[in-house]
C-alpha atoms as a PDB file:
ATOM      1  CA  MET A   1     -65.896  47.504 311.142  1.00  0.00           C
ATOM      2  CA  LYS A   2     -67.702  44.202 311.011  1.00  0.00           C
ATOM      3  CA  LYS A   3     -69.427  42.553 308.064  1.00  0.00           C
ATOM      4  CA  TYR A   4     -73.171  41.941 308.130  1.00  0.00           C
ATOM      5  CA  ASP A   5     -75.691  40.272 305.859  1.00  0.00           C
ATOM      6  CA  ALA A   6     -79.062  42.003 305.822  1.00  0.00           C
ATOM      7  CA  LEU A   7     -82.293  40.709 304.349  1.00  0.00           C
ATOM      8  CA  TYR A   8     -84.699  43.492 303.427  1.00  0.00           C
ATOM      9  CA  ILE A   9     -88.363  42.957 302.583  1.00  0.00           C
ATOM     10  CA  PHE A  10     -90.175  45.650 300.600  1.00  0.00           C
ATOM     11  CA  VAL A  11     -93.946  45.393 300.045  1.00  0.00           C
ATOM     12  CA  GLY A  12     -96.133  47.196 297.574  1.00  0.00           C
ATOM     13  CA  VAL A  13     -93.302  47.372 295.040  1.00  0.00           C
ATOM     14  CA  SER A  14     -94.193  46.280 291.532  1.00  0.00           C
ATOM     15  CA  LYS A  15     -91.710  48.204 289.384  1.00  0.00           C
ATOM     16  CA  ASP A  16     -87.939  47.844 289.340  1.00  0.00           C
ATOM     17  CA  ASP A  17     -87.281  51.584 289.449  1.00  0.00           C
ATOM     18  CA  VAL A  18     -89.445  51.965 292.570  1.00  0.00           C
ATOM     19  CA  LEU A  19     -87.641  49.034 294.203  1.00  0.00           C
ATOM     20  CA  GLU A  20     -84.261  50.555 293.339  1.00  0.00           C
ATOM     21  CA  ALA A  21     -85.291  53.918 294.813  1.00  0.00           C
ATOM     22  CA  ASN A  22     -86.535  52.254 298.031  1.00  0.00           C
ATOM     23  CA  LEU A  23     -83.365  50.168 298.282  1.00  0.00           C
ATOM     24  CA  GLU A  24     -81.131  53.204 297.784  1.00  0.00           C
ATOM     25  CA  LYS A  25     -83.072  55.051 300.495  1.00  0.00           C
ATOM     26  CA  ALA A  26     -82.594  52.111 302.878  1.00  0.00           C
ATOM     27  CA  LEU A  27     -78.900  51.695 302.050  1.00  0.00           C
ATOM     28  CA  SER A  28     -78.263  55.405 302.464  1.00  0.00           C
ATOM     29  CA  GLU A  29     -78.893  54.860 306.179  1.00  0.00           C
ATOM     30  CA  VAL A  30     -75.931  52.454 306.304  1.00  0.00           C
ATOM     31  CA  THR A  31     -73.634  54.892 304.538  1.00  0.00           C
ATOM     32  CA  ARG A  32     -74.916  57.759 306.707  1.00  0.00           C
ATOM     33  CA  LEU A  33     -73.693  55.861 309.761  1.00  0.00           C
ATOM     34  CA  GLY A  34     -70.251  55.372 308.205  1.00  0.00           C
ATOM     35  CA  GLY A  35     -70.735  51.912 306.704  1.00  0.00           C
ATOM     36  CA  ASN A  36     -69.743  50.501 303.317  1.00  0.00           C
ATOM     37  CA  ILE A  37     -72.025  48.549 300.985  1.00  0.00           C
ATOM     38  CA  ILE A  38     -70.156  45.474 299.686  1.00  0.00           C
ATOM     39  CA  ALA A  39     -72.776  43.649 297.623  1.00  0.00           C
ATOM     40  CA  LYS A  40     -76.506  43.582 296.967  1.00  0.00           C
ATOM     41  CA  ASP A  41     -78.634  40.896 295.370  1.00  0.00           C
ATOM     42  CA  SER A  42     -82.341  40.978 294.616  1.00  0.00           C
ATOM     43  CA  LEU A  43     -83.977  37.643 295.409  1.00  0.00           C
ATOM     44  CA  GLY A  44     -87.253  38.592 293.757  1.00  0.00           C
ATOM     45  CA  LYS A  45     -90.868  38.622 294.820  1.00  0.00           C
ATOM     46  CA  ARG A  46     -91.905  35.878 297.206  1.00  0.00           C
ATOM     47  CA  ALA A  47     -95.105  34.948 299.007  1.00  0.00           C
ATOM     48  CA  PHE A  48     -95.162  35.019 302.799  1.00  0.00           C
ATOM     49  CA  ALA A  49     -95.907  31.803 304.671  1.00  0.00           C
ATOM     50  CA  ARG A  50     -98.796  33.619 306.297  1.00  0.00           C
ATOM     51  CA  PRO A  51    -100.189  37.124 305.790  1.00  0.00           C
ATOM     52  CA  MET A  52     -98.427  39.811 307.819  1.00  0.00           C
ATOM     53  CA  LYS A  53    -100.051  43.191 308.371  1.00  0.00           C
ATOM     54  CA  LYS A  54    -102.571  42.347 305.636  1.00  0.00           C
ATOM     55  CA  ARG A  55     -99.776  41.718 303.113  1.00  0.00           C
ATOM     56  CA  ASP A  56     -99.309  38.453 301.201  1.00  0.00           C
ATOM     57  CA  ASN A  57     -95.946  38.941 299.473  1.00  0.00           C
ATOM     58  CA  GLY A  58     -92.870  41.110 299.262  1.00  0.00           C
ATOM     59  CA  VAL A  59     -89.658  41.692 297.357  1.00  0.00           C
ATOM     60  CA  TYR A  60     -86.609  40.275 299.134  1.00  0.00           C
ATOM     61  CA  VAL A  61     -83.168  41.886 298.788  1.00  0.00           C
ATOM     62  CA  LYS A  62     -79.968  40.542 300.349  1.00  0.00           C
ATOM     63  CA  VAL A  63     -77.239  43.080 301.122  1.00  0.00           C
ATOM     64  CA  ARG A  64     -73.744  42.637 302.563  1.00  0.00           C
ATOM     65  CA  PHE A  65     -72.234  45.675 304.252  1.00  0.00           C
ATOM     66  CA  GLU A  66     -69.605  46.741 306.782  1.00  0.00           C
ATOM     67  CA  LEU A  67     -70.551  48.802 309.819  1.00  0.00           C
ATOM     68  CA  ASP A  68     -69.343  49.538 313.317  1.00  0.00           C
ATOM     69  CA  PRO A  69     -71.090  47.037 315.657  1.00  0.00           C
ATOM     70  CA  LEU A  70     -72.033  49.832 318.042  1.00  0.00           C
ATOM     71  CA  LYS A  71     -74.179  51.484 315.370  1.00  0.00           C
ATOM     72  CA  ILE A  72     -76.429  48.486 314.595  1.00  0.00           C
ATOM     73  CA  LYS A  73     -78.996  49.482 317.245  1.00  0.00           C
ATOM     74  CA  GLU A  74     -79.186  52.957 315.755  1.00  0.00           C
ATOM     75  CA  LEU A  75     -79.672  51.454 312.293  1.00  0.00           C
ATOM     76  CA  VAL A  76     -82.499  49.203 313.510  1.00  0.00           C
ATOM     77  CA  ALA A  77     -84.196  52.160 315.195  1.00  0.00           C
ATOM     78  CA  ARG A  78     -83.884  54.192 312.000  1.00  0.00           C
ATOM     79  CA  TYR A  79     -85.441  51.419 309.892  1.00  0.00           C
ATOM     80  CA  ARG A  80     -88.485  51.426 312.149  1.00  0.00           C
ATOM     81  CA  LEU A  81     -89.120  54.954 310.876  1.00  0.00           C
ATOM     82  CA  VAL A  82     -88.600  54.181 307.182  1.00  0.00           C
ATOM     83  CA  GLU A  83     -91.988  53.169 305.765  1.00  0.00           C
ATOM     84  CA  GLU A  84     -90.583  51.519 302.628  1.00  0.00           C
ATOM     85  CA  VAL A  85     -88.788  48.827 304.647  1.00  0.00           C
ATOM     86  CA  PHE A  86     -91.389  46.271 305.705  1.00  0.00           C
ATOM     87  CA  ARG A  87     -88.949  43.989 307.539  1.00  0.00           C
ATOM     88  CA  VAL A  88     -85.189  43.768 307.907  1.00  0.00           C
ATOM     89  CA  GLN A  89     -83.015  41.110 309.505  1.00  0.00           C
ATOM     90  CA  PHE A  90     -79.290  41.390 310.243  1.00  0.00           C
ATOM     91  CA  LEU A  91     -76.797  38.557 310.553  1.00  0.00           C
ATOM     92  CA  ALA A  92     -73.142  39.037 311.501  1.00  0.00           C
ATOM     93  CA  VAL A  93     -70.756  37.381 309.048  1.00  0.00           C
ATOM     94  CA  ASP A  94     -68.174  35.008 310.549  1.00  0.00           C
ATOM     95  CA  ASP A  95     -64.966  35.445 308.522  1.00  0.00           C
ATOM     96  CA  ARG A  96     -63.554  32.049 309.585  1.00  0.00           C
ATOM     97  CA  ARG A  97     -66.701  30.271 308.403  1.00  0.00           C
ATOM     98  CA  GLU A  98     -66.662  32.195 305.122  1.00  0.00           C
ATOM     99  CA  ALA A  99     -63.013  31.204 304.552  1.00  0.00           C
ATOM    100  CA  LYS A 100     -63.819  27.552 305.281  1.00  0.00           C
ATOM    101  CA  ILE A 101     -66.752  27.577 302.848  1.00  0.00           C
ATOM    102  CA  ALA A 102     -64.589  29.177 300.153  1.00  0.00           C
ATOM    103  CA  ALA A 103     -61.869  26.530 300.691  1.00  0.00           C
ATOM    104  CA  GLU A 104     -64.438  23.709 300.449  1.00  0.00           C
ATOM    105  CA  ARG A 105     -65.883  25.224 297.285  1.00  0.00           C
ATOM    106  CA  ALA A 106     -62.395  25.457 295.726  1.00  0.00           C
ATOM    107  CA  ALA A 107     -61.616  21.841 296.680  1.00  0.00           C
ATOM    108  CA  ARG A 108     -64.891  20.664 295.101  1.00  0.00           C
ATOM    109  CA  ALA A 109     -64.117  22.573 291.905  1.00  0.00           C
ATOM    110  CA  GLU A 110     -60.628  21.031 291.789  1.00  0.00           C
ATOM    111  CA  ASN A 111     -62.019  17.511 292.274  1.00  0.00           C
ATOM    112  CA  LEU A 112     -64.599  18.099 289.555  1.00  0.00           C
ATOM    113  CA  ALA A 113     -61.901  19.299 287.158  1.00  0.00           C
ATOM    114  CA  LYS A 114     -59.789  16.202 287.892  1.00  0.00           C
ATOM    115  CA  ARG A 115     -62.781  13.915 287.299  1.00  0.00           C
ATOM    116  CA  GLU A 116     -63.644  15.617 284.022  1.00  0.00           C
ATOM    117  CA  ALA A 117     -60.018  15.379 282.859  1.00  0.00           C
ATOM    118  CA  ALA A 118     -59.939  11.662 283.704  1.00  0.00           C
ATOM    119  CA  GLN A 119     -63.199  11.096 281.813  1.00  0.00           C
ATOM    120  CA  ALA A 120     -61.882  12.999 278.794  1.00  0.00           C
ATOM    121  CA  ALA A 121     -58.664  10.934 278.838  1.00  0.00           C
ATOM    122  CA  ALA A 122     -60.634   7.687 279.055  1.00  0.00           C
ATOM    123  CA  LEU A 123     -62.860   8.771 276.173  1.00  0.00           C
ATOM    124  CA  ALA A 124     -59.849   9.727 274.073  1.00  0.00           C
ATOM    125  CA  GLU A 125     -58.218   6.347 274.798  1.00  0.00           C
ATOM    126  CA  ARG A 126     -61.420   4.538 273.824  1.00  0.00           C
ATOM    127  CA  VAL A 127     -61.612   6.479 270.535  1.00  0.00           C
ATOM    128  CA  VAL A 128     -57.985   5.632 269.726  1.00  0.00           C
ATOM    129  CA  GLN A 129     -58.617   1.903 270.349  1.00  0.00           C
ATOM    130  CA  GLU A 130     -61.558   1.841 267.940  1.00  0.00           C
END
């Protein structure tokens, strides 16, 4: 099983319950092929850079899932048949890159905490001197 990030675009969706139903229908294809849904995040309604198929905007949803790499072609072919999915794009997740990003994020948080502690100590020292 390999991790993938997918970006789904749904058009003609104005209500949250309709979007949720369309998303569940799209994600059921992943689970039907033996995959696992890890996370999903709605990015909201956005305008296209240029009209596509006489559409000006769509609702973007980012989903992370696990699936056998051999079944991606079958998933793409299946999405061509699902009318609710306007566009979908898949990106394989590189675990080493994800680990590096997480380590950098943790180091930045640690540095920020050290800086804030030093500023608080300096402020406390200044208050004591006054």
